[in-house]
Protein backbone atom coordinates (compact mmCIF):
# COMPACT_ATOMS: atom_id res chain seq x y z
CA MET A 1 0.00 0.00 0.00
CA LYS A 2 1.08 3.55 -0.64
CA LYS A 3 2.45 5.50 2.29
CA LYS A 4 0.38 8.57 3.07
CA ILE A 5 1.69 12.07 3.77
CA LEU A 6 -0.59 14.68 5.30
CA PHE A 7 0.65 18.26 5.00
CA LEU A 8 -0.94 20.71 7.44
CA VAL A 9 -0.53 24.46 7.01
CA ASN A 10 -2.35 27.61 8.13
CA SER A 11 -2.61 29.15 4.63
CA LEU A 12 -3.07 27.25 1.38
CA SER A 13 -1.53 30.10 -0.63
CA PHE A 14 1.64 29.83 1.46
CA PHE A 15 1.75 26.09 0.87
CA ILE A 16 1.41 26.51 -2.89
CA SER A 17 4.10 29.19 -3.09
CA HIS A 18 6.56 27.51 -0.70
CA ARG A 19 5.90 23.74 -0.54
CA LEU A 20 3.96 22.61 -3.62
CA GLU A 21 7.01 21.19 -5.39
CA ILE A 22 7.70 18.96 -2.38
CA ALA A 23 4.14 17.61 -2.41
CA ILE A 24 4.34 16.92 -6.16
CA ALA A 25 7.67 15.14 -5.79
CA ALA A 26 6.27 13.03 -2.95
CA ARG A 27 3.30 12.10 -5.15
CA ASP A 28 5.65 11.20 -8.02
CA ASN A 29 7.67 9.01 -5.63
CA GLY A 30 4.68 6.88 -4.76
CA TYR A 31 3.21 8.66 -1.74
CA GLU A 32 -0.46 9.41 -1.35
CA VAL A 33 -0.61 13.14 -0.57
CA CYS A 34 -3.25 15.23 1.17
CA VAL A 35 -3.06 18.88 2.26
CA GLY A 36 -5.00 20.30 5.20
CA TYR A 37 -5.28 24.07 5.45
CA GLY A 38 -6.85 26.70 7.69
CA GLU A 39 -7.23 29.62 5.25
CA LEU A 40 -7.25 29.82 1.46
CA GLY A 41 -5.26 33.04 1.11
CA ASN A 42 -5.03 34.35 -2.46
CA THR A 43 -5.45 30.98 -4.18
CA ASN A 44 -7.91 28.13 -4.67
CA THR A 45 -7.99 24.38 -4.24
CA ALA A 46 -8.20 23.65 -7.98
CA ILE A 47 -4.42 24.00 -8.24
CA LEU A 48 -4.01 20.96 -5.99
CA PHE A 49 -6.83 18.87 -7.41
CA GLU A 50 -5.42 19.33 -10.92
CA LYS A 51 -2.19 17.75 -9.71
CA GLY A 52 -3.92 14.80 -8.08
CA ILE A 53 -3.50 16.11 -4.54
CA ASP A 54 -6.47 16.01 -2.17
CA CYS A 55 -7.09 18.83 0.29
CA ILE A 56 -9.26 19.43 3.31
CA LYS A 57 -10.11 22.58 5.25
CA PHE A 58 -10.05 22.85 9.03
CA PRO A 59 -10.96 25.77 11.34
CA LEU A 60 -7.94 27.91 12.16
CA GLU A 61 -7.59 31.67 12.56
CA ARG A 62 -4.01 32.94 12.68
CA ARG A 63 -4.77 36.00 14.76
CA SER A 64 -7.23 34.35 17.15
CA ILE A 65 -6.41 34.10 20.85
CA ASN A 66 -9.90 32.95 21.82
CA PRO A 67 -9.30 29.80 23.92
CA PHE A 68 -12.49 28.13 22.73
CA LYS A 69 -11.58 28.66 19.06
CA GLU A 70 -8.06 27.40 19.71
CA ILE A 71 -9.30 24.27 21.45
CA TRP A 72 -11.66 23.67 18.52
CA SER A 73 -8.75 24.08 16.07
CA LEU A 74 -6.68 21.60 18.05
CA PHE A 75 -9.53 19.09 18.18
CA SER A 76 -10.24 19.51 14.45
CA ILE A 77 -6.62 18.86 13.54
CA TRP A 78 -6.59 15.78 15.75
CA GLN A 79 -9.82 14.61 14.12
CA ILE A 80 -8.35 14.93 10.60
CA ILE A 81 -5.20 13.06 11.59
CA TYR A 82 -7.16 10.34 13.38
CA LYS A 83 -9.50 9.89 10.41
CA LEU A 84 -6.87 9.87 7.64
CA LYS A 85 -4.27 7.86 9.59
CA PRO A 86 -1.25 9.19 7.68
CA ASP A 87 2.16 7.57 7.88
CA ILE A 88 3.77 11.03 7.96
CA VAL A 89 2.41 14.39 9.00
CA HIS A 90 4.36 17.39 7.73
CA LEU A 91 3.50 20.45 9.81
CA ILE A 92 4.11 23.99 8.56
CA THR A 93 3.70 27.34 10.40
CA ILE A 94 3.52 28.01 14.12
CA LYS A 95 -0.02 27.15 15.25
CA VAL A 96 -0.02 24.10 13.01
CA TYR A 97 3.26 22.64 14.23
CA LEU A 98 2.08 23.22 17.82
CA TYR A 99 -1.45 21.84 17.49
CA GLY A 100 -0.45 19.30 14.85
CA GLY A 101 2.51 18.10 16.89
CA ILE A 102 0.29 17.52 19.91
CA SER A 103 -2.39 15.84 17.78
CA ALA A 104 0.10 13.60 15.97
CA ARG A 105 1.35 12.22 19.24
CA LEU A 106 -2.16 11.66 20.60
CA ALA A 107 -3.17 9.93 17.34
CA LYS A 108 0.04 7.85 17.37
CA VAL A 109 1.19 8.93 13.89
CA PRO A 110 4.36 6.97 13.00
CA CYS A 111 6.39 9.91 11.59
CA VAL A 112 6.36 13.68 12.07
CA VAL A 113 8.13 16.50 10.22
CA SER A 114 7.83 19.98 11.75
CA ALA A 115 8.93 22.80 9.44
CA ILE A 116 9.76 26.11 11.10
CA ALA A 117 9.89 28.88 8.50
CA GLY A 118 11.03 31.50 11.00
CA LEU A 119 10.03 32.02 14.60
CA GLY A 120 8.33 35.34 13.89
CA ILE A 121 7.84 38.26 16.25
CA LEU A 122 6.91 35.99 19.17
CA PHE A 123 10.58 35.16 19.64
CA ASN A 124 12.56 37.99 18.07
CA GLN A 125 11.04 40.79 20.14
CA ARG A 126 11.39 40.97 23.91
CA ASN A 127 8.20 42.19 25.49
CA LEU A 128 5.73 41.09 28.15
CA SER A 129 3.22 39.48 25.78
CA ASN A 130 5.89 37.35 24.09
CA PHE A 131 7.33 36.36 27.48
CA LEU A 132 3.89 35.28 28.68
CA PHE A 133 3.25 33.38 25.43
CA GLN A 134 6.48 31.44 25.79
CA LYS A 135 5.71 30.56 29.39
CA LEU A 136 2.09 29.64 28.66
CA PHE A 137 2.85 27.32 25.75
CA TYR A 138 6.18 25.92 26.96
CA LEU A 139 4.78 22.50 27.87
CA GLY A 140 2.75 22.40 24.66
CA PHE A 141 5.87 22.93 22.57
CA ILE A 142 7.76 20.29 24.52
CA PHE A 143 4.98 17.80 23.76
CA ALA A 144 4.74 18.88 20.11
CA PHE A 145 8.48 18.65 19.47
CA ASN A 146 9.17 15.36 21.25
CA HIS A 147 7.50 12.74 19.09
CA PRO A 148 9.77 9.64 19.18
CA ASN A 149 10.21 9.63 15.37
CA GLN A 150 10.39 13.29 14.33
CA LYS A 151 12.57 15.75 12.48
CA VAL A 152 12.36 19.52 12.90
CA ILE A 153 13.47 21.69 9.98
CA VAL A 154 14.77 25.22 10.57
CA GLN A 155 16.04 27.65 7.97
CA ASN A 156 18.73 29.56 9.85
CA PRO A 157 21.17 28.89 12.71
CA GLU A 158 19.62 31.50 15.01
CA ASP A 159 16.27 29.68 15.11
CA LYS A 160 18.06 26.43 15.90
CA LYS A 161 19.92 28.11 18.75
CA THR A 162 16.74 29.73 20.11
CA LEU A 163 14.76 26.48 20.21
CA VAL A 164 17.55 24.54 21.89
CA LYS A 165 18.12 27.32 24.44
CA TRP A 166 14.38 27.45 25.17
CA GLY A 167 14.66 23.77 26.08
CA VAL A 168 11.77 22.42 24.03
CA ILE A 169 13.65 20.23 21.57
CA ASP A 170 16.52 17.77 21.32
CA LEU A 171 19.35 19.15 19.20
CA LYS A 172 19.66 15.81 17.38
CA LYS A 173 16.21 16.27 15.85
CA ILE A 174 16.97 19.58 14.16
CA LEU A 175 17.91 19.85 10.49
CA LEU A 176 19.00 23.07 8.79
CA PHE A 177 17.64 23.64 5.28
CA ARG A 178 18.43 26.96 3.61
CA GLY A 179 14.95 28.09 2.65
CA SER A 180 12.16 26.56 0.62
CA GLY A 181 14.07 26.51 -2.66
CA VAL A 182 13.70 28.30 -5.97
CA ASN A 183 13.17 27.05 -9.51
CA LEU A 184 16.14 28.59 -11.31
CA SER A 185 14.61 27.90 -14.73
CA ASN A 186 11.98 30.56 -13.99
CA PHE A 187 14.65 33.24 -13.83
CA THR A 188 16.14 33.78 -17.27
CA SER A 189 16.13 37.58 -17.71
CA LEU A 190 19.33 38.07 -15.74
CA SER A 191 20.69 41.24 -17.36
CA GLU A 192 19.73 44.56 -15.82
CA SER A 193 17.51 46.95 -17.71
CA SER A 194 19.24 50.05 -19.06
CA ASP A 195 16.32 52.21 -17.99
CA ILE A 196 16.08 54.12 -14.72
CA VAL A 197 17.45 52.23 -11.71
CA THR A 198 14.60 50.48 -9.92
CA VAL A 199 14.51 49.30 -6.31
CA CYS A 200 11.92 46.66 -5.48
CA PHE A 201 10.30 45.56 -2.22
CA ALA A 202 8.23 42.36 -2.65
CA SER A 203 6.60 40.87 0.42
CA ARG A 204 3.46 40.82 2.49
CA LEU A 205 2.79 44.39 3.54
CA LEU A 206 3.51 44.09 7.25
CA HIS A 207 4.97 46.63 9.65
CA ASP A 208 7.67 44.19 10.73
CA LYS A 209 8.66 43.34 7.17
CA GLY A 210 10.06 46.88 7.16
CA THR A 211 7.49 48.34 4.78
CA PHE A 212 7.53 51.81 6.33
CA ASP A 213 11.34 51.76 6.57
CA PHE A 214 11.47 51.08 2.83
CA VAL A 215 9.17 54.02 2.14
CA ALA A 216 11.17 56.26 4.50
CA ALA A 217 14.44 55.31 2.78
CA ALA A 218 12.87 56.05 -0.60
CA ARG A 219 11.80 59.44 0.71
CA ILE A 220 15.35 60.22 1.86
CA ILE A 221 16.83 59.30 -1.52
CA LYS A 222 14.20 61.12 -3.56
CA LYS A 223 14.79 64.32 -1.54
CA LYS A 224 18.39 64.27 -2.76
CA GLY A 225 17.17 64.47 -6.34
CA ILE A 226 18.57 61.06 -7.26
CA LYS A 227 16.87 59.58 -10.32
CA VAL A 228 15.49 56.22 -9.18
CA LYS A 229 12.19 54.33 -9.10
CA PHE A 230 10.87 52.48 -6.04
CA LEU A 231 8.37 49.63 -6.35
CA LEU A 232 6.32 48.37 -3.40
CA ALA A 233 4.79 45.02 -4.36
CA GLY A 234 2.65 42.88 -2.11
CA ASN A 235 -0.72 42.31 -0.57
CA LEU A 236 -2.33 43.22 2.72
CA ASP A 237 -2.70 40.42 5.25
CA PRO A 238 -5.89 41.02 7.26
CA GLY A 239 -5.26 37.86 9.29
CA ASN A 240 -2.08 39.38 10.69
CA LEU A 241 -2.16 42.01 13.44
CA ASN A 242 0.91 43.67 11.92
CA SER A 243 -0.56 44.15 8.47
CA LEU A 244 -0.76 47.60 6.96
CA THR A 245 -4.28 48.88 6.40
CA LYS A 246 -5.92 50.11 3.23
CA GLN A 247 -5.61 53.62 4.66
CA ASP A 248 -1.86 53.13 5.08
CA ILE A 249 -1.57 52.13 1.42
CA ASP A 250 -3.71 55.08 0.31
CA ASN A 251 -1.44 57.44 2.25
CA ILE A 252 1.67 55.93 0.64
CA LYS A 253 0.14 56.31 -2.81
CA LYS A 254 -0.72 59.95 -2.19
CA GLU A 255 2.90 60.74 -1.37
CA HIS A 256 4.13 59.57 -4.81
CA VAL A 257 7.48 58.44 -3.41
CA VAL A 258 7.04 54.79 -4.29
CA GLU A 259 4.90 53.07 -6.90
CA VAL A 260 2.49 50.72 -5.17
CA LEU A 261 1.76 47.45 -6.97
CA ASP A 262 -0.61 44.68 -6.02
CA TYR A 263 0.50 41.14 -5.28
CA GLN A 264 2.68 39.97 -8.18
CA LYS A 265 2.04 36.38 -9.18
CA ASP A 266 5.17 36.12 -11.36
CA ILE A 267 8.06 37.40 -9.26
CA SER A 268 10.55 36.72 -12.07
CA VAL A 269 8.88 39.37 -14.26
CA LEU A 270 8.93 41.87 -11.40
CA TYR A 271 12.61 41.27 -10.66
CA ALA A 272 13.49 41.45 -14.36
CA ARG A 273 12.40 45.09 -14.33
CA SER A 274 14.30 45.78 -11.08
CA ASN A 275 17.95 46.46 -10.34
CA ILE A 276 17.99 46.09 -6.56
CA VAL A 277 15.83 44.01 -4.23
CA CYS A 278 15.24 45.37 -0.74
CA LEU A 279 13.75 43.68 2.33
CA PRO A 280 14.39 45.65 5.57
CA SER A 281 12.62 43.04 7.73
CA PHE A 282 12.73 42.59 11.50
CA TYR A 283 9.99 39.95 11.40
CA GLY A 284 11.89 36.92 12.60
CA GLU A 285 12.33 35.31 9.18
CA GLY A 286 13.26 31.77 8.33
CA LEU A 287 15.02 32.42 5.03
CA PRO A 288 12.92 34.90 3.01
CA LYS A 289 11.91 33.45 -0.34
CA SER A 290 11.91 36.93 -1.86
CA LEU A 291 15.65 37.14 -1.19
CA ILE A 292 16.57 33.72 -2.59
CA GLU A 293 14.49 34.61 -5.64
CA ALA A 294 16.46 37.86 -5.88
CA ALA A 295 19.65 35.81 -5.94
CA ALA A 296 18.19 33.57 -8.65
CA ALA A 297 17.35 36.70 -10.66
CA SER A 298 20.93 38.03 -10.36
CA ARG A 299 19.85 41.06 -8.34
CA ALA A 300 21.88 42.71 -5.62
CA VAL A 301 20.11 42.73 -2.25
CA VAL A 302 19.85 45.18 0.62
CA THR A 303 18.45 43.61 3.76
CA THR A 304 18.73 43.76 7.52
CA ASP A 305 21.28 42.19 9.82
CA ALA A 306 18.58 40.01 11.36
CA PRO A 307 18.03 36.23 11.58
CA GLY A 308 17.05 34.77 8.23
CA CYS A 309 17.73 37.92 6.25
CA ARG A 310 21.47 37.90 6.87
CA ASP A 311 21.54 34.17 6.08
CA ALA A 312 20.06 34.74 2.59
CA ILE A 313 23.08 36.68 1.32
CA ILE A 314 26.86 36.74 1.47
CA PRO A 315 27.46 40.20 3.01
CA ASN A 316 29.31 42.59 0.70
CA LYS A 317 29.44 39.94 -2.01
CA THR A 318 25.81 39.30 -2.99
CA GLY A 319 24.28 42.19 -1.07
CA LEU A 320 24.53 44.66 1.79
CA LEU A 321 23.36 44.43 5.40
CA VAL A 322 21.94 47.35 7.38
CA PRO A 323 20.70 47.65 10.98
CA VAL A 324 17.03 46.97 11.63
CA LYS A 325 14.64 49.93 11.85
CA ASP A 326 17.20 52.38 10.45
CA PRO A 327 15.86 54.11 7.31
CA GLN A 328 18.92 56.37 7.03
CA LYS A 329 21.39 53.47 6.90
CA LEU A 330 19.02 51.70 4.53
CA ALA A 331 18.96 54.74 2.27
CA ASP A 332 22.77 55.00 2.38
CA ALA A 333 23.17 51.36 1.29
CA LEU A 334 20.63 51.72 -1.51
CA GLN A 335 22.25 54.94 -2.71
CA TRP A 336 25.66 53.27 -2.84
CA LEU A 337 24.32 50.49 -5.07
CA ILE A 338 22.45 52.99 -7.24
CA GLU A 339 25.64 54.99 -7.80
CA HIS A 340 27.95 51.98 -8.30
CA PRO A 341 26.43 49.95 -11.15
CA GLN A 342 29.48 47.76 -11.81
CA GLU A 343 29.67 46.63 -8.19
CA ARG A 344 25.89 46.16 -8.10
CA ILE A 345 25.91 43.95 -11.19
CA ALA A 346 28.83 41.92 -9.79
CA MET A 347 26.86 41.33 -6.60
CA GLY A 348 23.90 40.14 -8.64
CA LYS A 349 26.04 37.66 -10.56
CA ALA A 350 27.52 36.38 -7.29
CA GLY A 351 23.97 35.98 -5.98
CA ARG A 352 23.06 33.81 -8.95
CA LYS A 353 26.03 31.54 -8.22
CA LEU A 354 24.90 31.32 -4.59
CA ALA A 355 21.39 30.35 -5.71
CA GLU A 356 22.75 27.69 -8.04
CA LYS A 357 24.80 26.21 -5.20
CA GLU A 358 22.45 26.49 -2.22
CA PHE A 359 18.87 27.37 -3.19
CA ARG A 360 17.96 25.06 -6.10
CA ILE A 361 14.47 23.65 -5.63
CA GLU A 362 15.72 20.21 -6.71
CA LYS A 363 18.10 20.15 -3.75
CA ILE A 364 15.44 21.18 -1.23
CA VAL A 365 12.93 18.66 -2.62
CA GLN A 366 15.43 15.81 -2.46
CA ASP A 367 16.36 16.73 1.11
CA HIS A 368 12.69 16.39 2.09
CA LEU A 369 12.29 13.06 0.29
CA ASN A 370 15.35 11.80 2.15
CA ILE A 371 13.75 12.77 5.46
CA TYR A 372 10.53 10.93 4.63
CA LYS A 373 12.46 7.82 3.65
CA GLN A 374 14.60 7.97 6.78
CA LEU A 375 11.63 8.36 9.12
CA ILE A 376 9.67 5.53 7.49
CA SER A 377 12.72 3.25 7.46
CA SER A 378 13.17 3.76 11.19
CA GLN A 379 9.72 2.20 11.71
CA CYS A 380 10.63 -1.01 9.93
C-alpha cells in the first residue's frame, strides 16, 4: 500500500508558493498526498486537485487568541489526523506545528516533520506578551516537538539556537535547510535593464517586514534628487495584526514616493524590471523566499542584519546588510548600489552563483524526500 503524507498548514496560498514542489515530488515518488489548510489566502484548491493532490479545510484563525476557538482548532486537527491515519504528518507554520505536533502524538502517527519557517515576532522581540506566550505554551511545545520519530526543519542557525536554548527540543532532531528553494529555470532575464534604476520591495505588507522603513528610505533618496524608481509590491494580510491597512496604502500612494503594486504572481517578471531588491525586515524570518528569488534573478540585495535575512546573502558579495529599523542606513546602502552599477551587477552575478549552489528547488525537494524515507525506514 502507498504510504500517506498529510501536510498541514495555516494558509493554502503559502503552501502553494513555498511547498507545492515537495508535495508533487512526494506524489511522483509513490506517496499518497493530502493537504489540510486553515485559510485559502489568495489561491484556490483547484491547483491541488489538478495535480492529483487532495485537500481538506479545518478551522484555524491565525490572529485568534480565543481559547475556545483554539481548542476547537486543536480538536479539528486531531480529528483529521485520526481519520486519515497518515504515515507522515508534515507540519508547517507556528499554530499548526504546535497543534499538529500535539495531535500527531495523541493519534500515534508513525512519523512527524515539523517545518519552522522563521520564529516570527513571538521570539525575536522581547516584550511582556511574548514572554507570557512562551511561558504559557512551553509544555505544549515540549509535547509537540518530542515525538519519538520526528525531524524539525529550521532555515537559519539562530532559530536552531533559540529552540535549543528554550529547552523544548533535542538538538539531534533539528535539520538546517536553507529556505524553501527556488526554480532557477523561472529566472532567465538576468541582465539589468538600461532604464532608470529600480529598487523593489516584494513581500506581504507588514509593519515588521520593514514596509515603512522602505518608504522612508525612498523618501530620503528622492529628496536628494537622485533619479530612481521604487516599487512596493505585495498584498495586505488582514489575518495578521501587523498588516498595513488600506488607509496606510492610500497614504503611501498619495505621497508619490514609491509606486504601489498589487501582489505579483510572477516574481521573475517583477525582478526582471528591477535592479535592486530590498527587504528591511525585522519579522523573525526563516530564510525569506523573496531574497533567494532575488539571488536567482541576479539582483543585488539590501536587507537587515537580522536572523534569516542575513543568512540569505553573502554580506558585501551578494548584497549589503543594514541595521534593523534604520531608514537612514538603509537609504545609504541603496544609494551606494544605485551609484555603483558595476559593483551592483557583480553582486547580482555572485547571488546567482549562490542560488545555483544552495537554493535550487531540486536540492530542497530531495532533502525532504530523504527525510521521509529515513523516518519511514526507522519504523521497519
